[in-house]
Structures are given as structure tokens and as C-alpha cells.
N, C-alpha and C. Protein backbone atom coordinates (compact mmCIF):
# COMPACT_ATOMS: atom_id res chain seq x y z
N MET A 1 134.85 48.51 139.82
CA MET A 1 133.29 48.90 140.38
C MET A 1 132.58 49.69 139.37
N LYS A 2 131.57 48.78 138.68
CA LYS A 2 131.03 49.21 137.71
C LYS A 2 129.49 49.74 137.89
N LYS A 3 129.44 49.04 138.74
CA LYS A 3 127.55 48.92 139.29
C LYS A 3 127.58 49.63 140.43
N LYS A 4 126.46 50.86 140.82
CA LYS A 4 126.56 51.32 141.88
C LYS A 4 125.30 50.93 142.32
N ASN A 5 125.45 50.15 143.50
CA ASN A 5 123.86 50.01 144.17
C ASN A 5 123.66 51.10 145.50
N PRO A 6 122.59 51.70 144.45
CA PRO A 6 121.95 52.70 145.59
C PRO A 6 121.19 52.08 146.94
N GLY A 7 120.76 50.50 146.71
CA GLY A 7 120.07 50.21 147.77
C GLY A 7 120.81 50.30 149.30
N ALA A 8 121.78 49.93 149.43
CA ALA A 8 122.12 50.37 150.53
C ALA A 8 122.42 51.73 151.19
N GLU A 9 122.64 52.28 150.42
CA GLU A 9 123.07 53.84 150.74
C GLU A 9 121.38 54.06 150.92
N GLU A 10 120.26 54.24 150.33
CA GLU A 10 118.78 54.14 150.71
C GLU A 10 118.85 53.75 152.30
N ILE A 11 118.83 52.61 152.62
CA ILE A 11 118.30 52.07 153.65
C ILE A 11 119.25 52.66 154.88
N PHE A 12 120.86 53.18 154.66
CA PHE A 12 121.40 53.59 155.42
C PHE A 12 121.02 55.47 155.66
N LEU A 13 120.54 55.68 154.78
CA LEU A 13 119.97 57.03 154.95
C LEU A 13 118.42 57.19 155.48
N ALA A 14 117.63 55.72 155.63
CA ALA A 14 116.62 55.70 156.06
C ALA A 14 116.29 55.66 157.59
N GLY A 15 117.71 55.48 158.38
CA GLY A 15 118.27 55.12 159.98
C GLY A 15 118.70 53.65 160.31
N ALA A 16 119.06 53.21 159.44
CA ALA A 16 119.77 51.76 159.27
C ALA A 16 121.26 51.72 159.77
N ASN A 17 121.85 51.16 160.72
CA ASN A 17 123.46 51.35 161.05
C ASN A 17 124.43 50.66 159.85
N CYS A 18 125.48 50.93 159.10
CA CYS A 18 126.49 50.73 158.35
C CYS A 18 126.00 49.36 157.94
N ALA A 19 125.80 48.35 158.65
CA ALA A 19 126.35 46.90 158.81
C ALA A 19 124.77 46.76 158.20
N GLN A 20 123.73 47.24 158.92
CA GLN A 20 122.31 47.00 158.35
C GLN A 20 122.13 47.48 156.85
N ALA A 21 122.75 48.42 156.22
CA ALA A 21 122.72 49.04 154.90
C ALA A 21 123.16 47.94 153.85
N VAL A 22 124.15 47.72 154.17
CA VAL A 22 124.67 46.68 153.56
C VAL A 22 123.97 45.04 153.03
N PHE A 23 124.22 44.57 154.51
CA PHE A 23 123.58 43.31 154.15
C PHE A 23 122.41 43.67 153.82
N VAL A 24 121.38 44.27 154.55
CA VAL A 24 119.81 44.17 154.05
C VAL A 24 119.65 44.37 152.66
N SER A 25 120.73 45.32 151.74
CA SER A 25 120.35 45.06 150.66
C SER A 25 120.38 43.96 149.82
N ARG A 26 121.29 42.98 150.11
CA ARG A 26 121.50 42.00 149.58
C ARG A 26 120.80 40.65 150.20
N CYS A 27 120.59 40.38 151.78
CA CYS A 27 120.14 39.44 152.21
C CYS A 27 118.76 38.65 152.09
N SER A 28 118.29 38.92 150.93
CA SER A 28 116.81 38.14 150.23
C SER A 28 117.09 37.52 149.37
N ARG A 29 118.43 38.07 148.94
CA ARG A 29 119.05 37.09 148.02
C ARG A 29 119.41 35.48 148.22
N TYR A 30 119.81 35.50 149.82
CA TYR A 30 120.29 34.28 150.42
C TYR A 30 118.95 33.78 151.20
N GLY A 31 117.84 34.36 151.17
CA GLY A 31 116.60 33.72 151.73
C GLY A 31 116.35 34.31 153.19
N ILE A 32 116.94 35.30 153.40
CA ILE A 32 116.96 36.29 155.14
C ILE A 32 116.27 37.24 154.46
N SER A 33 115.24 37.81 155.21
CA SER A 33 114.11 38.53 155.18
C SER A 33 115.08 39.95 155.47
N PRO A 34 114.52 41.42 155.12
CA PRO A 34 115.08 42.40 155.39
C PRO A 34 115.14 42.30 156.85
N GLU A 35 114.06 42.50 157.37
CA GLU A 35 113.25 42.32 158.79
C GLU A 35 114.51 41.06 159.74
N ALA A 36 114.78 40.24 159.56
CA ALA A 36 115.73 39.54 159.87
C ALA A 36 116.77 39.84 159.90
N GLY A 37 117.56 40.54 158.78
CA GLY A 37 119.00 40.61 158.54
C GLY A 37 118.87 42.64 159.75
N MET A 38 118.01 43.26 159.63
CA MET A 38 118.21 44.28 160.26
C MET A 38 118.36 44.24 162.02
N LYS A 39 117.50 42.53 162.20
CA LYS A 39 118.10 42.41 163.97
C LYS A 39 119.47 42.01 163.78
N LEU A 40 119.46 41.18 162.60
CA LEU A 40 120.89 39.96 162.77
C LEU A 40 122.18 41.64 162.94
N CYS A 41 122.00 42.35 161.92
CA CYS A 41 122.97 43.45 162.01
C CYS A 41 122.83 44.56 162.64
N SER A 42 121.99 44.33 164.18
CA SER A 42 121.57 45.65 164.78
C SER A 42 122.98 45.77 165.82
N ALA A 43 123.71 44.86 165.99
CA ALA A 43 125.03 45.13 166.95
C ALA A 43 126.43 45.53 166.39
N PHE A 44 126.15 45.85 164.97
CA PHE A 44 127.26 46.21 164.41
C PHE A 44 127.99 47.54 164.29
N GLY A 45 127.01 48.09 163.99
CA GLY A 45 127.03 50.03 163.70
C GLY A 45 127.98 50.47 164.54
N GLY A 46 128.57 51.31 164.17
CA GLY A 46 129.63 52.15 164.67
C GLY A 46 131.04 51.76 165.21
N GLY A 47 131.19 51.00 164.42
CA GLY A 47 132.56 50.19 164.16
C GLY A 47 132.17 48.82 165.41
N ILE A 48 131.21 48.16 165.34
CA ILE A 48 130.75 46.92 166.13
C ILE A 48 130.47 47.44 167.45
N ALA A 49 129.03 47.70 167.85
CA ALA A 49 128.89 48.03 168.80
C ALA A 49 129.44 49.40 169.52
N GLY A 50 129.46 50.42 168.50
CA GLY A 50 129.68 51.65 168.70
C GLY A 50 130.97 51.78 169.78
N THR A 51 132.20 50.38 169.27
CA THR A 51 133.43 51.15 169.51
C THR A 51 134.48 51.26 168.63
N GLY A 52 133.85 51.94 167.53
CA GLY A 52 134.86 52.40 166.42
C GLY A 52 135.89 51.60 165.93
N ASN A 53 135.56 49.96 166.20
CA ASN A 53 136.32 49.34 165.26
C ASN A 53 136.34 49.07 163.96
N THR A 54 136.19 47.67 163.58
CA THR A 54 135.70 47.55 162.15
C THR A 54 134.24 48.01 161.58
N CYS A 55 134.47 48.69 160.83
CA CYS A 55 133.44 49.65 160.10
C CYS A 55 132.23 48.61 159.70
N GLY A 56 130.92 48.84 160.21
CA GLY A 56 130.18 47.60 159.80
C GLY A 56 129.69 47.94 158.15
N ALA A 57 129.88 48.71 157.42
CA ALA A 57 129.61 48.17 156.15
C ALA A 57 130.61 47.02 155.87
N VAL A 58 131.85 47.32 156.44
CA VAL A 58 132.62 46.21 155.96
C VAL A 58 131.84 44.57 156.75
N THR A 59 131.52 44.72 157.96
CA THR A 59 131.09 43.89 158.72
C THR A 59 129.66 43.20 157.98
N GLY A 60 128.95 44.05 157.23
CA GLY A 60 128.03 43.71 157.19
C GLY A 60 128.23 43.00 155.56
N ALA A 61 129.35 43.79 154.47
CA ALA A 61 129.41 42.69 153.45
C ALA A 61 130.21 41.74 153.63
N LEU A 62 130.88 41.00 154.91
CA LEU A 62 131.95 39.82 155.29
C LEU A 62 130.47 38.90 155.58
N LEU A 63 129.32 39.11 155.97
CA LEU A 63 128.66 38.50 156.37
C LEU A 63 127.72 38.14 155.31
N ILE A 64 127.94 38.82 153.99
CA ILE A 64 126.97 38.96 152.90
C ILE A 64 127.90 37.69 152.38
N ILE A 65 129.20 37.77 151.98
CA ILE A 65 130.13 37.06 151.36
C ILE A 65 130.55 36.02 151.99
N GLY A 66 129.90 35.73 153.42
CA GLY A 66 129.91 34.47 154.55
C GLY A 66 128.52 33.53 153.67
N LEU A 67 127.41 34.47 153.19
CA LEU A 67 126.23 33.54 152.59
C LEU A 67 126.56 33.36 151.35
N GLN A 68 127.43 34.05 150.75
CA GLN A 68 127.95 33.35 149.23
C GLN A 68 128.41 32.12 149.15
N GLU A 69 129.63 32.15 149.96
CA GLU A 69 130.59 31.31 149.71
C GLU A 69 130.93 30.49 150.75
N GLY A 70 130.31 30.37 151.79
CA GLY A 70 130.54 29.65 153.30
C GLY A 70 129.64 28.03 152.76
N HIS A 71 129.82 27.55 153.65
CA HIS A 71 129.07 26.25 153.87
C HIS A 71 128.66 25.93 154.78
N GLU A 72 127.73 24.60 155.05
CA GLU A 72 126.90 24.66 156.33
C GLU A 72 127.59 23.24 156.91
N HIS A 73 128.74 22.55 156.30
CA HIS A 73 129.08 21.15 156.69
C HIS A 73 130.66 21.01 157.04
N ILE A 74 131.01 20.83 158.02
CA ILE A 74 132.43 20.84 158.48
C ILE A 74 133.01 20.33 157.61
N ARG A 75 134.60 20.16 156.80
CA ARG A 75 135.37 19.50 156.21
C ARG A 75 136.50 20.15 155.84
N GLU A 76 138.03 19.56 155.84
CA GLU A 76 138.56 20.37 155.10
C GLU A 76 138.40 21.78 154.09
N GLY A 77 138.99 22.58 154.63
CA GLY A 77 139.07 23.58 153.69
C GLY A 77 137.67 24.46 153.97
N PHE A 78 136.96 24.35 154.49
CA PHE A 78 135.19 24.23 153.99
C PHE A 78 135.36 26.48 154.23
N ASN A 79 136.37 26.79 154.85
CA ASN A 79 135.98 28.41 154.93
C ASN A 79 136.86 28.92 154.27
N ASP A 80 137.97 28.15 153.09
CA ASP A 80 138.77 28.66 152.70
C ASP A 80 138.32 29.85 151.45
N THR A 81 137.04 29.47 150.66
CA THR A 81 136.62 30.53 149.43
C THR A 81 136.23 31.62 150.37
N ALA A 82 135.57 31.43 151.38
CA ALA A 82 134.75 32.72 152.10
C ALA A 82 135.99 33.84 152.77
N LYS A 83 137.18 32.97 153.04
CA LYS A 83 138.28 33.64 153.59
C LYS A 83 138.81 34.54 152.21
N GLU A 84 139.24 33.91 151.08
CA GLU A 84 139.63 34.45 150.18
C GLU A 84 139.06 35.34 149.76
N ARG A 85 137.82 35.38 149.47
CA ARG A 85 136.75 36.74 148.76
C ARG A 85 136.51 37.63 149.86
N ALA A 86 136.70 37.31 151.13
CA ALA A 86 136.87 38.12 151.88
C ALA A 86 138.07 39.38 151.95
N GLY A 87 139.16 38.22 152.08
CA GLY A 87 140.28 39.23 151.92
C GLY A 87 140.38 40.03 150.75
N GLU A 88 139.93 39.80 149.42
CA GLU A 88 139.82 40.33 148.67
C GLU A 88 138.72 41.57 148.64
N PHE A 89 137.45 41.42 149.05
CA PHE A 89 137.09 42.74 149.76
C PHE A 89 137.31 43.77 150.67
N LEU A 90 138.45 42.61 151.66
CA LEU A 90 139.23 44.25 152.64
C LEU A 90 140.20 44.16 151.76
N ARG A 91 141.41 43.95 151.18
CA ARG A 91 142.00 44.62 150.10
C ARG A 91 141.31 45.69 149.25
N ARG A 92 140.37 45.94 148.63
CA ARG A 92 140.00 46.75 148.27
C ARG A 92 139.04 47.90 148.95
N PHE A 93 138.76 47.27 149.65
CA PHE A 93 138.27 48.50 151.17
C PHE A 93 139.19 49.49 151.67
N ARG A 94 140.21 48.98 151.71
CA ARG A 94 141.68 49.35 152.36
C ARG A 94 142.20 50.34 151.35
N GLU A 95 141.87 49.97 149.73
CA GLU A 95 142.63 50.28 148.68
C GLU A 95 141.69 52.09 148.57
N LEU A 96 140.55 52.04 148.69
CA LEU A 96 139.97 53.01 148.32
C LEU A 96 139.40 53.99 149.76
N HIS A 97 139.81 53.70 151.02
CA HIS A 97 139.61 54.26 152.29
C HIS A 97 140.70 54.21 152.99
N GLY A 98 141.75 53.56 152.51
CA GLY A 98 142.88 53.58 153.51
C GLY A 98 142.79 52.65 154.88
N THR A 99 141.54 52.69 155.45
CA THR A 99 141.71 51.42 156.62
C THR A 99 140.31 50.62 156.38
N THR A 100 139.88 50.02 157.52
CA THR A 100 138.56 49.41 157.69
C THR A 100 137.90 49.49 159.12
N VAL A 101 138.58 50.34 159.50
CA VAL A 101 138.22 50.59 161.36
C VAL A 101 137.61 52.39 161.12
N CYS A 102 135.85 51.95 161.78
CA CYS A 102 135.49 52.99 161.85
C CYS A 102 136.12 54.14 162.73
N ARG A 103 136.84 54.13 163.70
CA ARG A 103 137.28 55.53 164.10
C ARG A 103 138.23 56.15 163.20
N GLU A 104 139.06 55.07 162.16
CA GLU A 104 139.92 55.89 161.42
C GLU A 104 139.16 56.61 160.13
N LEU A 105 137.68 56.22 160.05
CA LEU A 105 137.53 56.21 158.91
C LEU A 105 136.36 57.39 159.02
N LEU A 106 136.41 57.93 160.39
CA LEU A 106 135.89 59.04 160.74
C LEU A 106 136.37 60.29 162.14
N GLY A 107 137.79 59.71 162.14
CA GLY A 107 138.74 60.74 162.58
C GLY A 107 138.32 60.99 164.20
N TYR A 108 137.44 60.05 164.60
CA TYR A 108 137.11 60.34 165.89
C TYR A 108 136.56 58.83 166.11
N ASN A 109 136.15 58.62 167.38
CA ASN A 109 136.05 57.40 168.26
C ASN A 109 134.51 57.39 168.66
N MET A 110 133.87 56.95 168.29
CA MET A 110 132.17 56.90 168.85
C MET A 110 132.37 56.51 170.61
N ASP A 111 133.55 55.40 170.58
CA ASP A 111 133.24 54.88 172.58
C ASP A 111 133.78 56.19 173.15
N ILE A 112 134.10 57.06 173.00
CA ILE A 112 134.94 58.08 173.78
C ILE A 112 133.40 59.51 173.67
N PRO A 113 133.02 59.54 174.44
CA PRO A 113 131.82 60.88 174.58
C PRO A 113 131.99 61.65 174.27
N LEU A 114 133.26 62.51 174.48
CA LEU A 114 133.60 63.60 173.82
C LEU A 114 134.05 63.72 172.34
N GLU A 115 134.36 62.52 171.63
CA GLU A 115 134.71 62.12 170.49
C GLU A 115 133.37 61.61 169.77
N LYS A 116 132.63 61.02 170.62
CA LYS A 116 131.00 60.99 169.75
C LYS A 116 130.31 62.42 169.60
N GLN A 117 130.48 62.84 170.77
CA GLN A 117 129.92 64.32 170.64
C GLN A 117 130.13 64.90 169.47
N ALA A 118 131.61 65.18 169.30
CA ALA A 118 132.29 65.55 168.06
C ALA A 118 131.77 64.98 166.64
N ILE A 119 131.73 63.87 166.59
CA ILE A 119 130.99 63.06 165.34
C ILE A 119 129.57 63.64 165.27
N THR A 120 128.73 64.27 166.09
CA THR A 120 127.54 64.59 165.89
C THR A 120 127.53 66.02 165.55
N GLU A 121 128.25 66.46 166.32
CA GLU A 121 128.34 67.92 165.87
C GLU A 121 128.89 68.33 164.51
N LEU A 122 130.04 67.73 164.14
CA LEU A 122 130.34 67.70 162.99
C LEU A 122 129.29 66.97 161.55
N GLY A 123 128.37 66.43 162.31
CA GLY A 123 127.39 65.91 161.51
C GLY A 123 128.31 64.80 160.24
N LEU A 124 129.32 63.53 161.36
CA LEU A 124 130.61 62.72 160.28
C LEU A 124 129.66 61.74 159.58
N THR A 125 128.90 61.21 160.63
CA THR A 125 128.06 60.04 160.67
C THR A 125 127.19 60.21 158.95
N ALA A 126 126.70 61.65 158.66
CA ALA A 126 125.64 61.79 157.66
C ALA A 126 126.43 61.92 156.67
N LYS A 127 127.93 62.96 156.53
CA LYS A 127 128.83 63.55 155.52
C LYS A 127 129.44 62.17 154.85
N ARG A 128 130.07 61.32 155.69
CA ARG A 128 130.62 60.39 155.00
C ARG A 128 130.48 58.76 155.25
N CYS A 129 129.29 58.58 156.41
CA CYS A 129 128.84 57.14 156.06
C CYS A 129 128.26 56.66 154.74
N PRO A 130 127.68 57.38 154.21
CA PRO A 130 126.33 57.31 152.94
C PRO A 130 127.38 56.91 151.99
N GLY A 131 128.83 57.68 151.62
CA GLY A 131 129.62 57.09 150.69
C GLY A 131 130.12 55.63 151.67
N ILE A 132 130.44 55.18 152.20
CA ILE A 132 131.31 54.71 152.83
C ILE A 132 130.39 53.08 152.55
N VAL A 133 129.24 53.14 152.87
CA VAL A 133 128.62 52.18 152.63
C VAL A 133 128.27 52.03 151.06
N ALA A 134 127.95 52.87 150.22
CA ALA A 134 127.76 53.01 149.05
C ALA A 134 128.98 52.27 148.27
N SER A 135 129.95 53.10 148.77
CA SER A 135 131.48 51.90 148.05
C SER A 135 131.12 50.55 148.62
N ALA A 136 131.30 50.17 149.89
CA ALA A 136 131.25 48.63 150.47
C ALA A 136 130.34 47.81 149.44
N ALA A 137 129.25 48.42 148.88
CA ALA A 137 128.10 47.61 147.84
C ALA A 137 128.29 47.70 146.42
N GLN A 138 129.13 48.56 146.30
CA GLN A 138 130.35 48.44 144.93
C GLN A 138 131.15 47.64 144.94
N ILE A 139 132.01 47.43 145.78
CA ILE A 139 132.98 46.79 145.77
C ILE A 139 132.20 45.19 145.77
N LEU A 140 131.14 44.88 146.36
CA LEU A 140 130.67 43.81 146.21
C LEU A 140 129.98 43.26 145.11
N ASP A 141 129.37 44.53 144.44
CA ASP A 141 129.05 44.31 142.76
C ASP A 141 130.14 43.87 142.21
N GLY A 142 131.61 44.80 142.51
CA GLY A 142 132.54 44.53 141.60
C GLY A 142 133.33 43.41 141.52
N MET A 143 132.83 42.60 142.57
CA MET A 143 133.36 40.98 142.73
C MET A 143 133.11 40.15 141.98
N GLY A 144 131.55 40.39 141.27
CA GLY A 144 130.85 39.47 140.67
C GLY A 144 130.37 38.68 141.46
N GLY A 145 129.91 37.36 141.01
CA GLY A 145 129.25 36.78 141.75
C GLY A 145 127.74 36.56 142.30
N HIS A 146 127.50 36.38 143.14
CA HIS A 146 126.40 36.88 144.03
C HIS A 146 126.24 37.88 144.86
N ALA A 147 127.45 38.28 145.43
CA ALA A 147 127.36 38.91 146.68
C ALA A 147 126.79 40.44 146.13
């Protein structure tokens, strides 16, 4: 992970969710406006719609990998490269953070009211998420290509 991409972290700190931050920091490279990217990723924050499942930084990165490696036309093996690159991203993210699951990254589940309150009171999204978002962007950078 050579190059730090402050764009994703800055977007998060401005108020975007984790998926929006990672996706919007790169979507214009693929002809998608930041405004469309914000809308597209609006339901992925908090581990997919606040359920604590897959981290938004991960889903945002996977969307970018799909744009980079995916194909518009159905044919044999047309998803293979995207899946391979996604697997590489997931492996690197897990090596760094131990998991891709939001509730495990934060230690609390946003989908449970008392735990969501603890997340807020402890300031966990402000403490942990900027670094997670930045690392997802750095992993994409380290993978090369257009991501």
C-alpha cells in the first residue's frame, strides 16, 4: 500500500458514509458523477443499511472493482476477473482488519438500539471509520490498475 488516498477519508469526514467515501473518491474515473455515486451508495453505510453486515468501505471498493473489471455483456466467464480482483481486495482488507464485517470492526452492532447508542457515545465511527475508509482506498491503490 504505497500511496495514501486522502480523498476517501476527506469525503467521509465531510459526512458521507463509508461506501460513499470510497466509491465517490474514484467513480468519476468511470464516468459516474460524484452526485450519482452518493445516491448509488446511500444505503450501504453502517454495514449495509445500518445492519452491521459488510462494511461500507468494502462495498464501495467492490463497486469500484466491478466498474474496473466488469463487463456489460453476458458471456462465459464474464465475471471471473472481477471476482478474482474482489477476492484479492477482501483478502488484503481481512489481513489488515481481521474482518470485513462492520459490527466486528466497531465492536458493536448499529442495528441494535443500545449498541448504536454505545457507538455514538464512544465516538467509534469518528475514531475508527476514517482509518478503515483510508485503508480501503489504499488497498485499491496497491492493487494497481484503474481502481
